């Protein structure tokens, strides 16, 4: 009787487990998400209890060639690279080559921040916890969008010109620049370039056989099964350039696929121990990586009854229905990714896409997560679909209102009042020029940032970027002296849709003689 009952319970548990991730239902959800959110291609992976439960690709990897996206298709995982950066530092800490609380100046003597006290005291841990005082995305224009010409050393030097938005160690403000500095620490301590260290010391032993530490490495290897990025232009997804700068590899440079990312997830869920039983990070430092370092606010209501939220070392941490959740998202122009672990459930969920709709990966992640948590289906696609539509309508109105006003305005400014060079200490020179009947703007350090200047008011223009995939048009507002000559300028996005990495508002442009 006892054996019979146990066997029945085993069978029931097995059936219930399979129902939690019913393959057909998940297939349908993904297919519908592609249509709902206009995503050309997506790959999804689920690991549970040390086993690969699901790994599939859907749609196409590029609208240009219509080739299928599959579980082997490489995607830029963007900021999900940060977990690798912190794991690399943990390896070096275990080897006694660094300590988390070492001053950055110990390894990069020339590193300075605007505040002398912070310069002297900022630690490795401060770099990778978003608490060094810089604002959200501050300084990102030094490497974003792709195609800029600044080096890692340029960025390290220019950090000193970034004016902190918050006091040191008080606030979680997501920042990529500090991870670039952390990557340089890895380089100087190990003697290896960041991408080489990641490939040799992490990817290879973990078994991530198809992944690359940088976009350039993937291109050099002549990788064929790789996405094109896609961004909405005129409300329709189109293929856009995707060539991530090596300067920001430590913040977001890895290319991987669902097979390798689920292998990575399984490695982490196994306590940072490989399938062969090799421990890459000590229990002490593995615990440190997933310990809350800086908290952030939690909403009054939460769909997962979340009580805490914040950042560890390379991952966001929170509680969902009483379980620790370790997660991160990643976004580049034309691609977004999401990585979720619930360690005590041995559950990992990975979503890689070739469009920049976070609603798509949230729909898939939350639906799978709900199934394992035993939460009744909450129709996340409907929730995110309605939210996306509402947001798109709001952003479209913001932009339309601006351009409608600009179309009616006739500027009385004379060319010699404002044409010329404007310089920001950390970003460099922006040039305003006359072309035919109109005006142009171009950034010297980021040549793809070029576009038309459209008069908007007595002292401002709208910058309409040539690359419409940026969705980051801005106001260019000029300050004049008593003689009506430009002395400085500020920039501000015309719509809330603009990604925070287009940190135009952090520029302090001064008119210079040229």
Protein backbone atom coordinates (compact mmCIF):
# COMPACT_ATOMS: atom_id res chain seq x y z
CA UNK A 1 0.00 0.00 0.00
CA UNK A 2 2.77 2.41 0.93
CA UNK A 3 4.73 1.70 -2.26
CA UNK A 4 1.61 1.97 -4.37
CA UNK A 5 0.67 5.33 -2.89
CA UNK A 6 4.20 6.64 -3.29
CA UNK A 7 4.26 5.52 -6.90
CA UNK A 8 0.94 7.27 -7.53
CA UNK A 9 2.24 10.47 -5.96
CA UNK A 10 5.38 10.20 -8.07
CA UNK A 11 3.33 9.88 -11.22
CA UNK A 12 1.14 12.80 -10.19
CA UNK A 13 4.18 14.97 -9.49
CA UNK A 14 5.68 14.01 -12.86
CA UNK A 15 2.52 14.94 -14.72
CA UNK A 16 2.23 18.21 -12.78
CA UNK A 17 5.85 19.05 -13.53
CA UNK A 18 5.36 18.51 -17.21
CA UNK A 19 2.22 20.62 -17.16
CA UNK A 20 4.16 23.50 -15.69
CA UNK A 21 6.12 23.87 -18.87
CA UNK A 22 3.83 22.30 -21.44
CA UNK A 23 5.79 22.55 -24.66
CA UNK A 24 2.90 23.22 -27.01
CA UNK A 25 1.48 25.99 -24.83
CA UNK A 26 4.86 27.71 -24.58
CA UNK A 27 5.39 27.37 -28.33
CA UNK A 28 2.06 29.10 -28.94
CA UNK A 29 2.80 31.85 -26.41
CA UNK A 30 6.12 32.64 -28.08
CA UNK A 31 4.61 32.65 -31.57
CA UNK A 32 1.85 35.00 -30.44
CA UNK A 33 4.39 37.24 -28.71
CA UNK A 34 6.32 37.63 -31.97
CA UNK A 35 3.15 38.87 -33.67
CA UNK A 36 1.86 41.01 -30.80
CA UNK A 37 5.12 42.86 -30.20
CA UNK A 38 6.45 42.82 -33.80
CA UNK A 39 9.54 40.79 -32.93
CA UNK A 40 11.17 39.08 -35.94
CA UNK A 41 12.91 36.38 -33.90
CA UNK A 42 13.21 35.01 -30.38
CA UNK A 43 14.90 32.11 -28.64
CA UNK A 44 13.82 30.81 -25.24
CA UNK A 45 15.46 28.42 -22.82
CA UNK A 46 14.40 26.88 -19.49
CA UNK A 47 16.53 24.83 -17.10
CA UNK A 48 15.16 23.05 -14.04
CA UNK A 49 16.89 20.80 -11.51
CA UNK A 50 20.03 20.54 -13.60
CA UNK A 51 18.17 19.57 -16.78
CA UNK A 52 17.51 21.48 -19.98
CA UNK A 53 13.72 21.57 -20.18
CA UNK A 54 13.29 23.80 -23.21
CA UNK A 55 15.53 25.42 -25.84
CA UNK A 56 14.01 26.68 -29.08
CA UNK A 57 14.20 29.49 -31.57
CA UNK A 58 11.25 31.07 -33.37
CA UNK A 59 10.79 33.46 -36.24
CA UNK A 60 13.71 34.72 -38.29
CA UNK A 61 17.13 35.91 -37.26
CA UNK A 62 16.98 38.69 -39.87
CA UNK A 63 14.27 40.33 -41.95
CA UNK A 64 16.92 40.79 -44.63
CA UNK A 65 17.58 37.09 -45.27
CA UNK A 66 14.51 35.48 -43.63
CA UNK A 67 16.68 32.68 -42.25
CA UNK A 68 15.21 30.89 -39.26
CA UNK A 69 16.23 31.76 -35.72
CA UNK A 70 17.10 28.63 -33.75
CA UNK A 71 18.68 27.57 -30.48
CA UNK A 72 22.15 28.15 -31.99
CA UNK A 73 21.57 31.71 -33.22
CA UNK A 74 23.98 34.21 -31.66
CA UNK A 75 22.53 37.30 -29.99
CA UNK A 76 24.23 40.22 -28.27
CA UNK A 77 23.23 39.65 -24.64
CA UNK A 78 24.08 43.28 -23.78
CA UNK A 79 24.02 44.02 -20.03
CA UNK A 80 23.69 40.35 -19.17
CA UNK A 81 27.44 40.50 -19.75
CA UNK A 82 27.76 42.26 -16.38
CA UNK A 83 27.30 38.97 -14.52
CA UNK A 84 30.34 37.63 -16.37
CA UNK A 85 32.40 40.70 -15.44
CA UNK A 86 31.60 40.21 -11.77
CA UNK A 87 32.27 36.47 -11.95
CA UNK A 88 35.67 37.27 -13.45
CA UNK A 89 36.41 39.61 -10.55
CA UNK A 90 35.30 36.91 -8.11
CA UNK A 91 37.78 34.49 -9.72
CA UNK A 92 40.57 37.03 -9.29
CA UNK A 93 39.48 37.63 -5.68
CA UNK A 94 39.65 33.89 -4.98
CA UNK A 95 43.16 33.85 -6.41
CA UNK A 96 44.18 36.64 -4.04
CA UNK A 97 44.90 39.04 -6.87
CA UNK A 98 42.26 41.57 -5.85
CA UNK A 99 39.94 42.34 -2.96
CA UNK A 100 36.44 43.71 -3.42
CA UNK A 101 37.30 46.68 -1.23
CA UNK A 102 40.55 47.54 -2.99
CA UNK A 103 40.75 51.13 -4.18
CA UNK A 104 40.40 51.43 -7.95
CA UNK A 105 43.47 53.70 -7.97
CA UNK A 106 45.58 50.73 -6.85
CA UNK A 107 45.16 49.21 -10.31
CA UNK A 108 44.35 52.30 -12.40
CA UNK A 109 46.41 55.12 -10.86
CA UNK A 110 45.17 57.69 -13.37
CA UNK A 111 41.50 57.04 -12.55
CA UNK A 112 39.74 60.10 -11.16
CA UNK A 113 36.20 61.19 -10.51
CA UNK A 114 34.94 64.75 -10.17
CA UNK A 115 35.03 64.61 -6.37
CA UNK A 116 38.59 64.16 -4.98
CA UNK A 117 37.26 62.23 -1.97
CA UNK A 118 35.44 59.76 -4.22
CA UNK A 119 38.52 59.44 -6.44
CA UNK A 120 40.56 58.40 -3.41
CA UNK A 121 37.98 56.04 -1.95
CA UNK A 122 36.03 54.40 -4.77
CA UNK A 123 36.51 50.63 -4.65
CA UNK A 124 36.11 47.76 -7.07
CA UNK A 125 32.82 46.93 -5.35
CA UNK A 126 31.61 50.52 -5.86
CA UNK A 127 32.25 50.19 -9.60
CA UNK A 128 29.95 47.20 -10.00
CA UNK A 129 27.07 48.15 -7.70
CA UNK A 130 25.88 51.35 -9.40
CA UNK A 131 26.53 53.38 -6.27
CA UNK A 132 29.51 55.57 -7.22
CA UNK A 133 27.29 58.64 -7.56
CA UNK A 134 26.96 58.85 -11.35
CA UNK A 135 23.42 59.10 -12.70
CA UNK A 136 21.46 56.56 -14.73
CA UNK A 137 23.30 56.03 -18.01
CA UNK A 138 25.57 59.01 -17.33
CA UNK A 139 28.50 59.00 -19.72
CA UNK A 140 27.03 56.36 -22.04
CA UNK A 141 27.36 58.63 -25.07
CA UNK A 142 31.08 57.88 -24.93
CA UNK A 143 30.32 54.44 -26.39
CA UNK A 144 26.63 54.52 -27.33
CA UNK A 145 25.32 54.29 -30.00
CA UNK A 146 27.73 52.02 -31.82
CA UNK A 147 30.38 53.46 -34.06
CA UNK A 148 32.06 55.92 -31.72
CA UNK A 149 35.82 56.36 -31.63
CA UNK A 150 36.62 56.62 -27.93
CA UNK A 151 38.90 54.01 -26.36
CA UNK A 152 38.73 52.49 -22.90
CA UNK A 153 41.57 54.80 -21.83
CA UNK A 154 39.65 57.80 -23.20
CA UNK A 155 36.63 56.84 -21.13
CA UNK A 156 38.69 56.28 -17.98
CA UNK A 157 40.24 59.72 -18.43
CA UNK A 158 36.93 61.45 -19.13
CA UNK A 159 35.11 60.06 -16.08
CA UNK A 160 36.64 62.95 -14.09
CA UNK A 161 34.47 65.41 -16.04
CA UNK A 162 31.17 63.69 -15.18
CA UNK A 163 29.43 65.63 -12.44
CA UNK A 164 27.86 63.16 -9.94
CA UNK A 165 24.11 63.27 -9.63
CA UNK A 166 23.99 61.75 -6.16
CA UNK A 167 26.21 61.49 -3.08
CA UNK A 168 28.69 58.64 -3.03
CA UNK A 169 27.26 55.22 -1.98
CA UNK A 170 23.74 56.46 -1.37
CA UNK A 171 21.71 55.58 -4.44
CA UNK A 172 21.32 52.80 -7.00
CA UNK A 173 21.68 54.57 -10.34
CA UNK A 174 22.30 52.12 -13.15
CA UNK A 175 25.56 53.02 -14.87
CA UNK A 176 27.60 51.31 -17.59
CA UNK A 177 30.74 53.43 -17.48
CA UNK A 178 31.84 52.05 -14.12
CA UNK A 179 31.66 48.51 -15.51
CA UNK A 180 34.02 49.56 -18.30
CA UNK A 181 36.45 50.69 -15.59
CA UNK A 182 35.97 47.34 -13.81
CA UNK A 183 36.78 45.57 -17.07
CA UNK A 184 40.03 47.48 -17.25
CA UNK A 185 40.87 46.32 -13.71
CA UNK A 186 40.50 42.73 -14.97
CA UNK A 187 42.77 43.55 -17.91
CA UNK A 188 45.52 45.12 -15.80
CA UNK A 189 45.47 42.45 -13.10
CA UNK A 190 45.28 39.40 -15.38
CA UNK A 191 47.23 40.65 -18.38
CA UNK A 192 44.36 39.51 -20.62
CA UNK A 193 41.92 41.62 -22.53
CA UNK A 194 38.47 41.43 -20.95
CA UNK A 195 36.98 39.36 -23.79
CA UNK A 196 39.90 36.91 -23.71
CA UNK A 197 39.60 36.45 -19.95
CA UNK A 198 35.86 35.77 -20.22
CA UNK A 199 36.33 33.23 -23.00
CA UNK A 200 39.31 31.42 -21.46
CA UNK A 201 38.52 31.52 -17.74
CA UNK A 202 34.70 31.31 -17.78
CA UNK A 203 33.12 30.28 -21.08
CA UNK A 204 35.51 27.44 -21.87
CA UNK A 205 35.32 25.63 -18.50
CA UNK A 206 31.55 26.24 -18.23
CA UNK A 207 31.03 24.67 -21.66
CA UNK A 208 29.79 27.72 -23.57
CA UNK A 209 31.35 26.49 -26.78
CA UNK A 210 29.60 28.80 -29.25
CA UNK A 211 29.84 32.12 -27.40
CA UNK A 212 32.18 35.07 -27.89
CA UNK A 213 33.47 37.74 -25.55
CA UNK A 214 32.95 40.44 -28.18
CA UNK A 215 31.15 41.19 -31.41
CA UNK A 216 34.48 41.67 -33.16
CA UNK A 217 35.55 38.14 -32.21
CA UNK A 218 32.33 36.69 -33.59
CA UNK A 219 32.85 38.51 -36.89
CA UNK A 220 36.49 37.40 -37.05
CA UNK A 221 35.37 33.79 -36.57
CA UNK A 222 33.01 34.25 -39.55
CA UNK A 223 29.99 33.26 -37.48
CA UNK A 224 27.06 32.84 -39.86
CA UNK A 225 24.18 32.07 -37.51
CA UNK A 226 23.88 35.52 -35.99
CA UNK A 227 20.96 37.94 -35.67
CA UNK A 228 20.49 41.26 -37.30
CA UNK A 229 19.22 43.82 -34.86
CA UNK A 230 15.76 45.28 -35.53
CA UNK A 231 14.18 48.49 -34.36
CA UNK A 232 10.79 50.06 -35.02
CA UNK A 233 10.89 52.80 -37.65
CA UNK A 234 7.58 54.34 -38.68
CA UNK A 235 5.88 51.75 -36.45
CA UNK A 236 7.43 48.78 -38.27
CA UNK A 237 10.50 46.71 -37.32
CA UNK A 238 13.44 47.01 -39.74
CA UNK A 239 16.99 45.63 -39.68
CA UNK A 240 19.55 48.10 -38.30
CA UNK A 241 23.37 48.06 -37.94
CA UNK A 242 24.68 45.99 -35.05
CA UNK A 243 28.39 46.38 -34.33
CA UNK A 244 28.96 46.82 -30.62
CA UNK A 245 31.99 48.87 -29.60
CA UNK A 246 34.81 46.90 -27.99
CA UNK A 247 35.26 49.75 -25.50
CA UNK A 248 32.13 48.71 -23.64
CA UNK A 249 32.56 44.93 -23.72
CA UNK A 250 32.69 44.66 -19.92
CA UNK A 251 29.30 46.38 -19.73
CA UNK A 252 27.57 44.52 -22.53
CA UNK A 253 29.73 42.95 -25.24
CA UNK A 254 29.05 39.18 -25.14
CA UNK A 255 27.41 37.25 -27.98
CA UNK A 256 25.77 33.96 -27.04
CA UNK A 257 22.86 31.68 -27.87
CA UNK A 258 20.15 29.88 -25.96
CA UNK A 259 22.11 26.64 -25.69
CA UNK A 260 25.08 28.37 -24.12
CA UNK A 261 23.05 30.75 -21.95
CA UNK A 262 21.09 27.87 -20.43
CA UNK A 263 24.43 26.15 -19.80
CA UNK A 264 25.55 29.33 -18.03
CA UNK A 265 22.31 29.39 -16.02
CA UNK A 266 22.75 25.76 -14.99
CA UNK A 267 26.34 26.44 -13.92
CA UNK A 268 25.22 29.31 -11.69
CA UNK A 269 22.34 27.30 -10.23
CA UNK A 270 24.83 24.54 -9.47
CA UNK A 271 26.71 26.85 -7.13
CA UNK A 272 29.20 28.13 -9.74
CA UNK A 273 30.35 24.56 -10.34
CA UNK A 274 30.74 23.15 -13.85
CA UNK A 275 29.25 19.89 -15.10
CA UNK A 276 32.69 18.34 -14.63
CA UNK A 277 32.66 19.33 -10.98
CA UNK A 278 35.09 22.23 -11.24
CA UNK A 279 34.32 25.12 -8.92
CA UNK A 280 35.14 28.45 -10.58
CA UNK A 281 34.07 30.68 -7.69
CA UNK A 282 34.36 29.92 -3.98
CA UNK A 283 31.20 29.54 -1.91
CA UNK A 284 32.18 32.71 -0.07
CA UNK A 285 32.41 34.84 -3.19
CA UNK A 286 29.44 33.18 -4.87
CA UNK A 287 27.45 34.25 -1.83
CA UNK A 288 28.91 37.76 -2.14
CA UNK A 289 27.82 38.03 -5.78
CA UNK A 290 24.22 37.32 -4.86
CA UNK A 291 24.11 39.38 -1.67
CA UNK A 292 22.28 42.72 -1.69
CA UNK A 293 24.84 45.53 -1.95
CA UNK A 294 22.61 48.54 -2.59
CA UNK A 295 18.81 48.57 -2.19
CA UNK A 296 16.23 50.30 -4.33
CA UNK A 297 12.57 51.14 -3.84
CA UNK A 298 9.84 48.51 -4.00
CA UNK A 299 6.38 49.41 -5.25
CA UNK A 300 3.38 49.45 -2.93
CA UNK A 301 1.87 46.63 -4.94
CA UNK A 302 3.74 43.84 -6.65
CA UNK A 303 2.52 40.92 -8.77
CA UNK A 304 5.01 38.70 -6.94
CA UNK A 305 4.59 40.06 -3.39
CA UNK A 306 8.09 41.50 -3.56
CA UNK A 307 9.49 42.92 -0.31
CA UNK A 308 13.03 43.88 -1.36
CA UNK A 309 14.78 44.88 -4.56
CA UNK A 310 18.30 46.01 -5.31
CA UNK A 311 21.63 45.13 -6.85
CA UNK A 312 24.21 42.54 -5.89
CA UNK A 313 27.42 42.18 -7.89
CA UNK A 314 26.35 41.94 -11.51
CA UNK A 315 22.72 40.97 -10.93
CA UNK A 316 19.49 42.50 -9.67
CA UNK A 317 18.11 40.75 -6.59
CA UNK A 318 14.55 40.55 -5.29
CA UNK A 319 12.10 38.16 -3.70
CA UNK A 320 9.21 36.60 -5.66
CA UNK A 321 6.55 34.68 -3.76
CA UNK A 322 9.03 34.02 -0.97
CA UNK A 323 11.91 32.93 -3.24
CA UNK A 324 15.15 34.76 -4.02
CA UNK A 325 15.21 35.93 -7.63
CA UNK A 326 18.46 36.72 -9.45
CA UNK A 327 17.95 38.46 -12.76
CA UNK A 328 19.18 40.94 -15.33
CA UNK A 329 18.06 42.33 -18.63
CA UNK A 330 20.12 43.62 -21.50
CA UNK A 331 19.38 46.03 -24.29
CA UNK A 332 21.12 47.38 -27.36
CA UNK A 333 19.62 49.22 -30.28
CA UNK A 334 17.56 46.52 -31.93
CA UNK A 335 17.88 43.71 -29.40
CA UNK A 336 16.90 42.93 -25.82
CA UNK A 337 17.54 39.92 -23.60
CA UNK A 338 16.43 38.68 -20.20
CA UNK A 339 17.99 36.26 -17.72
CA UNK A 340 16.20 34.98 -14.61
CA UNK A 341 17.22 32.53 -11.89
CA UNK A 342 15.31 31.29 -8.86
CA UNK A 343 18.15 29.45 -7.11
CA UNK A 344 16.25 27.49 -4.46
CA UNK A 345 13.94 26.13 -7.17
CA UNK A 346 16.88 25.36 -9.46
CA UNK A 347 14.99 27.27 -12.14
CA UNK A 348 16.50 29.35 -14.93
CA UNK A 349 14.67 31.21 -17.71
CA UNK A 350 16.45 32.88 -20.63
CA UNK A 351 14.91 34.95 -23.43
CA UNK A 352 16.92 36.38 -26.35
CA UNK A 353 15.32 38.59 -28.99
CA UNK A 354 16.29 40.57 -32.08
CA UNK A 355 13.98 43.50 -31.43
CA UNK A 356 13.98 45.97 -28.57
CA UNK A 357 10.58 45.11 -27.06
CA UNK A 358 10.98 44.40 -23.37
CA UNK A 359 7.28 43.53 -23.31
CA UNK A 360 8.05 40.38 -25.31
CA UNK A 361 10.66 38.97 -22.95
CA UNK A 362 8.61 39.99 -19.89
CA UNK A 363 5.58 38.13 -21.25
CA UNK A 364 7.56 34.92 -21.73
CA UNK A 365 9.57 35.14 -18.50
CA UNK A 366 6.62 35.90 -16.27
CA UNK A 367 4.42 33.23 -17.87
CA UNK A 368 7.03 30.52 -17.35
CA UNK A 369 7.84 31.79 -13.86
CA UNK A 370 4.16 31.78 -12.88
CA UNK A 371 3.80 28.19 -14.00
CA UNK A 372 6.59 27.02 -11.70
CA UNK A 373 5.48 29.22 -8.82
CA UNK A 374 1.98 27.81 -9.07
CA UNK A 375 0.44 31.19 -9.88
CA UNK A 376 -2.75 31.12 -11.95
CA UNK A 377 -2.30 32.33 -15.52
CA UNK A 378 -2.47 36.11 -15.48
CA UNK A 379 -2.40 36.64 -19.26
CA UNK A 380 0.80 38.63 -19.33
CA UNK A 381 0.60 39.08 -23.07
CA UNK A 382 -2.68 40.98 -22.69
CA UNK A 383 -1.22 43.05 -19.84
CA UNK A 384 1.97 43.98 -21.66
CA UNK A 385 0.22 44.32 -25.00
CA UNK A 386 -2.20 46.91 -23.65
CA UNK A 387 0.60 48.69 -21.79
CA UNK A 388 2.81 48.78 -24.90
CA UNK A 389 0.00 50.15 -27.05
CA UNK A 390 -0.79 52.87 -24.51
CA UNK A 391 2.90 53.84 -24.22
CA UNK A 392 3.37 53.91 -27.98
CA UNK A 393 0.37 56.20 -28.40
CA UNK A 394 1.70 58.51 -25.66
CA UNK A 395 5.19 58.68 -27.18
CA UNK A 396 3.80 59.23 -30.67
CA UNK A 397 1.74 62.19 -29.43
CA UNK A 398 4.77 63.68 -27.66
CA UNK A 399 6.78 63.59 -30.86
CA UNK A 400 3.94 64.75 -33.11
CA UNK A 401 3.25 67.78 -30.90
CA UNK A 402 6.89 68.83 -31.13
CA UNK A 403 7.14 68.47 -34.88
CA UNK A 404 3.78 70.15 -35.45
CA UNK A 405 5.03 73.18 -33.53
CA UNK A 406 8.37 73.16 -35.35
CA UNK A 407 6.61 73.11 -38.72
CA UNK A 408 4.83 76.38 -37.88
CA UNK A 409 7.84 78.21 -36.49
CA UNK A 410 10.02 80.51 -38.58
CA UNK A 411 13.36 81.30 -37.01
CA UNK A 412 14.83 84.80 -37.08
CA UNK A 413 18.26 83.62 -35.90
CA UNK A 414 21.22 84.61 -38.07
CA UNK A 415 23.82 82.00 -38.94
CA UNK A 416 26.71 83.82 -37.24
CA UNK A 417 24.80 83.77 -33.96
CA UNK A 418 25.08 80.04 -33.38
CA UNK A 419 26.88 78.11 -36.16
CA UNK A 420 30.20 76.58 -35.09
CA UNK A 421 31.68 74.15 -32.56
CA UNK A 422 30.38 73.34 -29.10
CA UNK A 423 32.50 71.31 -26.70
CA UNK A 424 31.61 69.15 -23.71
CA UNK A 425 34.55 68.12 -21.53
CA UNK A 426 33.78 64.39 -21.52
CA UNK A 427 32.03 63.97 -24.86
CA UNK A 428 34.04 66.27 -27.08
CA UNK A 429 32.99 68.47 -29.99
CA UNK A 430 29.58 68.86 -31.59
CA UNK A 431 29.49 70.88 -34.82
CA UNK A 432 26.58 72.95 -36.12
CA UNK A 433 26.82 73.86 -39.79
CA UNK A 434 24.83 75.42 -42.65
CA UNK A 435 23.80 73.15 -45.54
CA UNK A 436 21.70 74.64 -48.32
CA UNK A 437 18.59 76.09 -46.72
CA UNK A 438 18.94 74.13 -43.52
CA UNK A 439 21.31 73.24 -40.71
CA UNK A 440 23.15 70.09 -39.67
CA UNK A 441 24.65 68.71 -36.47
CA UNK A 442 27.35 66.08 -36.11
CA UNK A 443 29.32 64.69 -33.21
CA UNK A 444 33.06 64.33 -33.78
CA UNK A 445 33.51 61.44 -31.29
CA UNK A 446 30.34 59.60 -32.34
CA UNK A 447 30.00 60.18 -36.11
CA UNK A 448 26.69 58.32 -36.43
CA UNK A 449 25.11 60.99 -34.25
CA UNK A 450 24.33 63.35 -37.10
CA UNK A 451 21.12 64.90 -38.30
CA UNK A 452 19.07 67.93 -39.22
CA UNK A 453 18.53 70.98 -37.02
CA UNK A 454 14.93 72.17 -37.28
CA UNK A 455 14.07 75.59 -35.76
CA UNK A 456 11.64 75.21 -32.86
CA UNK A 457 11.68 78.43 -30.81
CA UNK A 458 13.62 81.65 -30.41
CA UNK A 459 16.62 79.83 -28.93
CA UNK A 460 16.14 76.17 -29.73
CA UNK A 461 16.13 73.56 -32.47
CA UNK A 462 14.86 70.02 -32.78
CA UNK A 463 17.60 67.57 -33.74
CA UNK A 464 16.21 64.94 -36.11
CA UNK A 465 18.83 62.18 -36.27
CA UNK A 466 19.52 60.60 -39.66
CA UNK A 467 19.32 57.13 -38.14
CA UNK A 468 15.62 56.84 -37.34
CA UNK A 469 16.15 53.64 -35.37
CA UNK A 470 17.58 55.69 -32.51
CA UNK A 471 14.19 57.16 -31.58
CA UNK A 472 16.12 59.78 -29.67
CA UNK A 473 15.41 63.17 -31.25
CA UNK A 474 16.32 66.04 -28.95
CA UNK A 475 15.94 69.72 -28.30
CA UNK A 476 19.14 71.72 -28.81
CA UNK A 477 18.68 74.82 -26.68
CA UNK A 478 21.19 77.68 -26.95
CA UNK A 479 22.14 80.31 -24.39
CA UNK A 480 23.15 83.67 -25.86
CA UNK A 481 25.24 86.51 -24.49
CA UNK A 482 24.17 90.16 -24.38
CA UNK A 483 25.24 90.56 -28.02
CA UNK A 484 23.10 87.69 -29.23
CA UNK A 485 26.02 85.31 -29.71
CA UNK A 486 25.83 81.67 -28.57
CA UNK A 487 27.89 80.87 -25.48
CA UNK A 488 26.57 77.46 -24.49
CA UNK A 489 23.92 74.83 -25.19
CA UNK A 490 21.98 72.00 -23.58
CA UNK A 491 20.23 68.99 -25.07
CA UNK A 492 17.08 67.23 -23.94
CA UNK A 493 15.01 64.38 -25.48
CA UNK A 494 11.71 65.43 -27.04
CA UNK A 495 10.04 62.22 -25.87
CA UNK A 496 10.16 59.86 -22.89
CA UNK A 497 10.74 56.96 -25.30
CA UNK A 498 14.44 57.84 -25.55
CA UNK A 499 16.73 55.22 -24.03
CA UNK A 500 18.63 56.40 -20.95
CA UNK A 501 21.95 55.61 -22.65
CA UNK A 502 21.34 58.58 -24.91
CA UNK A 503 22.33 60.78 -22.00
CA UNK A 504 22.13 64.08 -23.87
CA UNK A 505 20.91 65.86 -20.75
CA UNK A 506 24.30 65.26 -19.09
CA UNK A 507 26.12 67.30 -21.75
CA UNK A 508 27.30 70.79 -20.86
CA UNK A 509 28.23 72.26 -24.25
CA UNK A 510 30.31 75.43 -24.46
CA UNK A 511 30.67 77.42 -27.68
CA UNK A 512 34.31 77.52 -28.79
CA UNK A 513 36.18 79.37 -31.52
CA UNK A 514 36.85 77.18 -34.56
